[in-house]
PDB file of N, CA and C in Angstrom:
ATOM      1  N   MET A   1      29.065 131.451 134.935  1.00  0.00           N
ATOM      2  CA  MET A   1      29.150 132.812 134.447  1.00  0.00           C
ATOM      3  C   MET A   1      29.966 132.844 133.159  1.00  0.00           C
ATOM      4  N   SER A   2      29.451 133.514 132.149  1.00  0.00           N
ATOM      5  CA  SER A   2      30.124 133.602 130.859  1.00  0.00           C
ATOM      6  C   SER A   2      31.195 134.681 130.907  1.00  0.00           C
ATOM      7  N   GLU A   3      32.241 134.427 130.169  1.00  0.00           N
ATOM      8  CA  GLU A   3      33.360 135.351 130.154  1.00  0.00           C
ATOM      9  C   GLU A   3      33.510 135.973 128.766  1.00  0.00           C
ATOM     10  N   LEU A   4      33.766 137.266 128.722  1.00  0.00           N
ATOM     11  CA  LEU A   4      33.981 137.946 127.451  1.00  0.00           C
ATOM     12  C   LEU A   4      35.336 137.558 126.870  1.00  0.00           C
ATOM     13  N   VAL A   5      35.346 137.358 125.563  1.00  0.00           N
ATOM     14  CA  VAL A   5      36.557 136.975 124.842  1.00  0.00           C
ATOM     15  C   VAL A   5      36.822 138.047 123.789  1.00  0.00           C
ATOM     16  N   PRO A   6      38.076 138.475 123.617  1.00  0.00           N
ATOM     17  CA  PRO A   6      38.379 139.449 122.562  1.00  0.00           C
ATOM     18  C   PRO A   6      38.509 138.755 121.196  1.00  0.00           C
ATOM     19  N   TYR A   7      37.871 139.334 120.199  1.00  0.00           N
ATOM     20  CA  TYR A   7      37.964 138.827 118.829  1.00  0.00           C
ATOM     21  C   TYR A   7      38.502 139.927 117.925  1.00  0.00           C
ATOM     22  N   ALA A   8      39.301 139.541 116.952  1.00  0.00           N
ATOM     23  CA  ALA A   8      39.793 140.461 115.927  1.00  0.00           C
ATOM     24  C   ALA A   8      39.022 140.161 114.648  1.00  0.00           C
ATOM     25  N   VAL A   9      38.490 141.205 114.029  1.00  0.00           N
ATOM     26  CA  VAL A   9      37.730 141.055 112.788  1.00  0.00           C
ATOM     27  C   VAL A   9      38.465 141.837 111.706  1.00  0.00           C
ATOM     28  N   HIS A  10      38.707 141.191 110.577  1.00  0.00           N
ATOM     29  CA  HIS A  10      39.411 141.794 109.444  1.00  0.00           C
ATOM     30  C   HIS A  10      38.501 141.711 108.221  1.00  0.00           C
ATOM     31  N   TYR A  11      38.507 142.756 107.405  1.00  0.00           N
ATOM     32  CA  TYR A  11      37.698 142.741 106.188  1.00  0.00           C
ATOM     33  C   TYR A  11      38.222 143.790 105.212  1.00  0.00           C
ATOM     34  N   LEU A  12      37.733 143.728 103.993  1.00  0.00           N
ATOM     35  CA  LEU A  12      38.027 144.752 102.992  1.00  0.00           C
ATOM     36  C   LEU A  12      36.763 145.566 102.770  1.00  0.00           C
ATOM     37  N   LEU A  13      36.910 146.877 102.747  1.00  0.00           N
ATOM     38  CA  LEU A  13      35.813 147.778 102.417  1.00  0.00           C
ATOM     39  C   LEU A  13      36.204 148.489 101.129  1.00  0.00           C
ATOM     40  N   ASP A  14      35.540 148.123 100.056  1.00  0.00           N
ATOM     41  CA  ASP A  14      35.891 148.644  98.725  1.00  0.00           C
ATOM     42  C   ASP A  14      37.379 148.457  98.441  1.00  0.00           C
ATOM     43  N   GLY A  15      37.906 147.301  98.832  1.00  0.00           N
ATOM     44  CA  GLY A  15      39.296 146.949  98.557  1.00  0.00           C
ATOM     45  C   GLY A  15      40.317 147.461  99.557  1.00  0.00           C
ATOM     46  N   VAL A  16      39.872 148.218 100.552  1.00  0.00           N
ATOM     47  CA  VAL A  16      40.786 148.779 101.553  1.00  0.00           C
ATOM     48  C   VAL A  16      40.692 147.943 102.838  1.00  0.00           C
ATOM     49  N   ARG A  17      41.849 147.522 103.344  1.00  0.00           N
ATOM     50  CA  ARG A  17      41.881 146.706 104.557  1.00  0.00           C
ATOM     51  C   ARG A  17      41.382 147.474 105.778  1.00  0.00           C
ATOM     52  N   GLN A  18      40.579 146.801 106.566  1.00  0.00           N
ATOM     53  CA  GLN A  18      40.042 147.345 107.807  1.00  0.00           C
ATOM     54  C   GLN A  18      40.144 146.261 108.879  1.00  0.00           C
ATOM     55  N   HIS A  19      40.222 146.664 110.125  1.00  0.00           N
ATOM     56  CA  HIS A  19      40.158 145.683 111.206  1.00  0.00           C
ATOM     57  C   HIS A  19      39.745 146.382 112.499  1.00  0.00           C
ATOM     58  N   PHE A  20      39.241 145.600 113.413  1.00  0.00           N
ATOM     59  CA  PHE A  20      38.845 146.109 114.717  1.00  0.00           C
ATOM     60  C   PHE A  20      38.760 144.934 115.688  1.00  0.00           C
ATOM     61  N   PHE A  21      38.608 145.249 116.949  1.00  0.00           N
ATOM     62  CA  PHE A  21      38.476 144.239 117.991  1.00  0.00           C
ATOM     63  C   PHE A  21      37.102 144.349 118.620  1.00  0.00           C
ATOM     64  N   LYS A  22      36.571 143.212 119.007  1.00  0.00           N
ATOM     65  CA  LYS A  22      35.248 143.181 119.623  1.00  0.00           C
ATOM     66  C   LYS A  22      35.260 142.161 120.757  1.00  0.00           C
ATOM     67  N   MET A  23      34.640 142.541 121.857  1.00  0.00           N
ATOM     68  CA  MET A  23      34.498 141.636 122.995  1.00  0.00           C
ATOM     69  C   MET A  23      33.134 140.956 122.903  1.00  0.00           C
ATOM     70  N   ALA A  24      33.113 139.635 123.083  1.00  0.00           N
ATOM     71  CA  ALA A  24      31.853 138.901 123.018  1.00  0.00           C
ATOM     72  C   ALA A  24      31.984 137.599 123.799  1.00  0.00           C
ATOM     73  N   VAL A  25      30.865 137.085 124.230  1.00  0.00           N
ATOM     74  CA  VAL A  25      30.841 135.792 124.918  1.00  0.00           C
ATOM     75  C   VAL A  25      31.007 134.681 123.897  1.00  0.00           C
ATOM     76  N   LYS A  26      30.324 134.822 122.761  1.00  0.00           N
ATOM     77  CA  LYS A  26      30.484 133.882 121.647  1.00  0.00           C
ATOM     78  C   LYS A  26      30.449 134.679 120.364  1.00  0.00           C
ATOM     79  N   PHE A  27      30.977 134.096 119.305  1.00  0.00           N
ATOM     80  CA  PHE A  27      31.103 134.819 118.045  1.00  0.00           C
ATOM     81  C   PHE A  27      30.955 133.826 116.910  1.00  0.00           C
ATOM     82  N   SER A  28      30.354 134.263 115.812  1.00  0.00           N
ATOM     83  CA  SER A  28      30.167 133.403 114.652  1.00  0.00           C
ATOM     84  C   SER A  28      30.480 134.191 113.392  1.00  0.00           C
ATOM     85  N   GLU A  29      30.421 133.532 112.259  1.00  0.00           N
ATOM     86  CA  GLU A  29      30.676 134.222 110.998  1.00  0.00           C
ATOM     87  C   GLU A  29      29.605 135.294 110.752  1.00  0.00           C
ATOM     88  N   VAL A  30      28.358 134.993 111.082  1.00  0.00           N
ATOM     89  CA  VAL A  30      27.292 135.986 110.931  1.00  0.00           C
ATOM     90  C   VAL A  30      27.553 137.177 111.852  1.00  0.00           C
ATOM     91  N   ASP A  31      28.000 136.910 113.087  1.00  0.00           N
ATOM     92  CA  ASP A  31      28.339 138.004 114.008  1.00  0.00           C
ATOM     93  C   ASP A  31      29.465 138.862 113.429  1.00  0.00           C
ATOM     94  N   ALA A  32      30.454 138.222 112.816  1.00  0.00           N
ATOM     95  CA  ALA A  32      31.581 138.953 112.234  1.00  0.00           C
ATOM     96  C   ALA A  32      31.108 139.843 111.084  1.00  0.00           C
ATOM     97  N   ILE A  33      30.218 139.318 110.241  1.00  0.00           N
ATOM     98  CA  ILE A  33      29.708 140.098 109.113  1.00  0.00           C
ATOM     99  C   ILE A  33      28.890 141.283 109.624  1.00  0.00           C
ATOM    100  N   HIS A  34      28.030 141.037 110.581  1.00  0.00           N
ATOM    101  CA  HIS A  34      27.216 142.125 111.144  1.00  0.00           C
ATOM    102  C   HIS A  34      28.109 143.176 111.792  1.00  0.00           C
ATOM    103  N   SER A  35      29.083 142.735 112.570  1.00  0.00           N
ATOM    104  CA  SER A  35      29.991 143.671 113.241  1.00  0.00           C
ATOM    105  C   SER A  35      30.799 144.480 112.238  1.00  0.00           C
ATOM    106  N   ALA A  36      31.244 143.839 111.152  1.00  0.00           N
ATOM    107  CA  ALA A  36      31.993 144.552 110.112  1.00  0.00           C
ATOM    108  C   ALA A  36      31.110 145.600 109.442  1.00  0.00           C
ATOM    109  N   SER A  37      29.846 145.262 109.229  1.00  0.00           N
ATOM    110  CA  SER A  37      28.907 146.219 108.634  1.00  0.00           C
ATOM    111  C   SER A  37      28.731 147.438 109.531  1.00  0.00           C
ATOM    112  N   VAL A  38      28.569 147.195 110.822  1.00  0.00           N
ATOM    113  CA  VAL A  38      28.407 148.295 111.776  1.00  0.00           C
ATOM    114  C   VAL A  38      29.691 149.115 111.872  1.00  0.00           C
ATOM    115  N   HIS A  39      30.842 148.425 111.845  1.00  0.00           N
ATOM    116  CA  HIS A  39      32.127 149.127 111.910  1.00  0.00           C
ATOM    117  C   HIS A  39      32.329 149.995 110.666  1.00  0.00           C
ATOM    118  N   ALA A  40      31.984 149.462 109.496  1.00  0.00           N
ATOM    119  CA  ALA A  40      32.188 150.188 108.242  1.00  0.00           C
ATOM    120  C   ALA A  40      31.242 151.387 108.107  1.00  0.00           C
ATOM    121  N   PHE A  41      30.049 151.260 108.665  1.00  0.00           N
ATOM    122  CA  PHE A  41      29.038 152.308 108.542  1.00  0.00           C
ATOM    123  C   PHE A  41      28.446 152.625 109.914  1.00  0.00           C
ATOM    124  N   PRO A  42      29.236 153.233 110.803  1.00  0.00           N
ATOM    125  CA  PRO A  42      28.760 153.485 112.172  1.00  0.00           C
ATOM    126  C   PRO A  42      27.548 154.417 112.235  1.00  0.00           C
ATOM    127  N   GLN A  43      27.388 155.275 111.252  1.00  0.00           N
ATOM    128  CA  GLN A  43      26.253 156.190 111.255  1.00  0.00           C
ATOM    129  C   GLN A  43      24.929 155.455 111.058  1.00  0.00           C
ATOM    130  N   HIS A  44      24.989 154.215 110.590  1.00  0.00           N
ATOM    131  CA  HIS A  44      23.779 153.417 110.369  1.00  0.00           C
ATOM    132  C   HIS A  44      23.620 152.337 111.438  1.00  0.00           C
ATOM    133  N   ASP A  45      24.303 152.483 112.552  1.00  0.00           N
ATOM    134  CA  ASP A  45      24.323 151.457 113.600  1.00  0.00           C
ATOM    135  C   ASP A  45      22.920 151.000 114.006  1.00  0.00           C
ATOM    136  N   LEU A  46      22.023 151.919 114.218  1.00  0.00           N
ATOM    137  CA  LEU A  46      20.689 151.549 114.680  1.00  0.00           C
ATOM    138  C   LEU A  46      19.850 150.910 113.574  1.00  0.00           C
ATOM    139  N   GLN A  47      20.216 151.136 112.332  1.00  0.00           N
ATOM    140  CA  GLN A  47      19.452 150.597 111.213  1.00  0.00           C
ATOM    141  C   GLN A  47      20.002 149.264 110.709  1.00  0.00           C
ATOM    142  N   MET A  48      21.177 148.856 111.152  1.00  0.00           N
ATOM    143  CA  MET A  48      21.811 147.649 110.666  1.00  0.00           C
ATOM    144  C   MET A  48      21.088 146.432 111.242  1.00  0.00           C
ATOM    145  N   ALA A  49      20.471 145.665 110.387  1.00  0.00           N
ATOM    146  CA  ALA A  49      19.691 144.506 110.834  1.00  0.00           C
ATOM    147  C   ALA A  49      20.602 143.338 111.184  1.00  0.00           C
ATOM    148  N   THR A  50      20.156 142.516 112.116  1.00  0.00           N
ATOM    149  CA  THR A  50      20.846 141.254 112.333  1.00  0.00           C
ATOM    150  C   THR A  50      20.335 140.305 111.256  1.00  0.00           C
ATOM    151  N   TYR A  51      21.203 139.455 110.763  1.00  0.00           N
ATOM    152  CA  TYR A  51      20.874 138.635 109.613  1.00  0.00           C
ATOM    153  C   TYR A  51      20.291 137.296 110.041  1.00  0.00           C
ATOM    154  N   SER A  52      19.317 136.841 109.278  1.00  0.00           N
ATOM    155  CA  SER A  52      18.650 135.591 109.612  1.00  0.00           C
ATOM    156  C   SER A  52      19.451 134.378 109.146  1.00  0.00           C
ATOM    157  N   SER A  53      20.316 134.569 108.168  1.00  0.00           N
ATOM    158  CA  SER A  53      21.122 133.449 107.676  1.00  0.00           C
ATOM    159  C   SER A  53      22.493 133.944 107.234  1.00  0.00           C
ATOM    160  N   LEU A  54      23.416 133.036 107.144  1.00  0.00           N
ATOM    161  CA  LEU A  54      24.768 133.364 106.705  1.00  0.00           C
ATOM    162  C   LEU A  54      24.749 133.900 105.275  1.00  0.00           C
ATOM    163  N   GLU A  55      23.967 133.277 104.411  1.00  0.00           N
ATOM    164  CA  GLU A  55      23.913 133.722 103.014  1.00  0.00           C
ATOM    165  C   GLU A  55      23.342 135.130 102.899  1.00  0.00           C
ATOM    166  N   ALA A  56      22.309 135.442 103.667  1.00  0.00           N
ATOM    167  CA  ALA A  56      21.737 136.797 103.646  1.00  0.00           C
ATOM    168  C   ALA A  56      22.776 137.812 104.114  1.00  0.00           C
ATOM    169  N   ALA A  57      23.543 137.458 105.132  1.00  0.00           N
ATOM    170  CA  ALA A  57      24.587 138.349 105.640  1.00  0.00           C
ATOM    171  C   ALA A  57      25.656 138.579 104.584  1.00  0.00           C
ATOM    172  N   ARG A  58      26.066 137.526 103.904  1.00  0.00           N
ATOM    173  CA  ARG A  58      27.095 137.666 102.865  1.00  0.00           C
ATOM    174  C   ARG A  58      26.617 138.539 101.708  1.00  0.00           C
ATOM    175  N   ILE A  59      25.377 138.355 101.306  1.00  0.00           N
ATOM    176  CA  ILE A  59      24.824 139.144 100.204  1.00  0.00           C
ATOM    177  C   ILE A  59      24.791 140.630 100.577  1.00  0.00           C
ATOM    178  N   LYS A  60      24.300 140.936 101.756  1.00  0.00           N
ATOM    179  CA  LYS A  60      24.215 142.329 102.202  1.00  0.00           C
ATOM    180  C   LYS A  60      25.608 142.949 102.314  1.00  0.00           C
ATOM    181  N   ALA A  61      26.562 142.186 102.842  1.00  0.00           N
ATOM    182  CA  ALA A  61      27.932 142.686 102.968  1.00  0.00           C
ATOM    183  C   ALA A  61      28.504 143.030 101.591  1.00  0.00           C
ATOM    184  N   ARG A  62      28.319 142.145 100.624  1.00  0.00           N
ATOM    185  CA  ARG A  62      28.810 142.424  99.261  1.00  0.00           C
ATOM    186  C   ARG A  62      28.157 143.681  98.696  1.00  0.00           C
ATOM    187  N   GLN A  63      26.860 143.866  98.946  1.00  0.00           N
ATOM    188  CA  GLN A  63      26.168 145.065  98.461  1.00  0.00           C
ATOM    189  C   GLN A  63      26.767 146.326  99.074  1.00  0.00           C
ATOM    190  N   LEU A  64      27.261 146.225 100.301  1.00  0.00           N
ATOM    191  CA  LEU A  64      27.866 147.366 100.986  1.00  0.00           C
ATOM    192  C   LEU A  64      29.337 147.566 100.625  1.00  0.00           C
ATOM    193  N   GLY A  65      29.912 146.634  99.842  1.00  0.00           N
ATOM    194  CA  GLY A  65      31.320 146.725  99.474  1.00  0.00           C
ATOM    195  C   GLY A  65      32.247 146.061 100.481  1.00  0.00           C
ATOM    196  N   ILE A  66      31.679 145.234 101.362  1.00  0.00           N
ATOM    197  CA  ILE A  66      32.462 144.541 102.395  1.00  0.00           C
ATOM    198  C   ILE A  66      32.733 143.116 101.925  1.00  0.00           C
ATOM    199  N   THR A  67      34.010 142.772 101.829  1.00  0.00           N
ATOM    200  CA  THR A  67      34.398 141.440 101.355  1.00  0.00           C
ATOM    201  C   THR A  67      35.520 140.881 102.223  1.00  0.00           C
ATOM    202  N   GLN A  68      35.840 139.634 101.988  1.00  0.00           N
ATOM    203  CA  GLN A  68      36.947 138.922 102.638  1.00  0.00           C
ATOM    204  C   GLN A  68      36.938 139.098 104.156  1.00  0.00           C
ATOM    205  N   ILE A  69      35.797 138.869 104.745  1.00  0.00           N
ATOM    206  CA  ILE A  69      35.656 138.996 106.194  1.00  0.00           C
ATOM    207  C   ILE A  69      36.232 137.746 106.851  1.00  0.00           C
ATOM    208  N   ARG A  70      37.094 137.972 107.813  1.00  0.00           N
ATOM    209  CA  ARG A  70      37.622 136.857 108.606  1.00  0.00           C
ATOM    210  C   ARG A  70      37.756 137.325 110.038  1.00  0.00           C
ATOM    211  N   TRP A  71      37.762 136.381 110.946  1.00  0.00           N
ATOM    212  CA  TRP A  71      37.861 136.729 112.359  1.00  0.00           C
ATOM    213  C   TRP A  71      38.579 135.618 113.102  1.00  0.00           C
ATOM    214  N   ASN A  72      39.122 136.000 114.229  1.00  0.00           N
ATOM    215  CA  ASN A  72      39.807 135.031 115.078  1.00  0.00           C
ATOM    216  C   ASN A  72      39.813 135.546 116.510  1.00  0.00           C
ATOM    217  N   GLU A  73      40.035 134.639 117.407  1.00  0.00           N
ATOM    218  CA  GLU A  73      40.163 135.030 118.798  1.00  0.00           C
ATOM    219  C   GLU A  73      41.474 135.790 118.946  1.00  0.00           C
ATOM    220  N   ALA A  74      41.417 136.978 119.516  1.00  0.00           N
ATOM    221  CA  ALA A  74      42.615 137.791 119.707  1.00  0.00           C
ATOM    222  C   ALA A  74      43.304 137.345 120.986  1.00  0.00           C
ATOM    223  N   VAL A  75      44.582 137.272 120.928  1.00  0.00           N
ATOM    224  CA  VAL A  75      45.328 136.828 122.109  1.00  0.00           C
ATOM    225  C   VAL A  75      46.153 137.949 122.683  1.00  0.00           C
TER     226      VAL A  75
END
């Protein structure tokens, strides 16, 4: 049985620091970028696509004004 792990995601939205916590079984850089996009623009949650590659995710994030995304397991 898989166990949920808490992750902390930090990013800049138009230069302003943002952060949130997310529970997941596994997490990757693409997951962090997608989650940051959804967090930054919750009104577009249903329209936010999952990214096919890390580079595509980074490009879309930059277009949205999301930069310096980092994440870690929250303790």
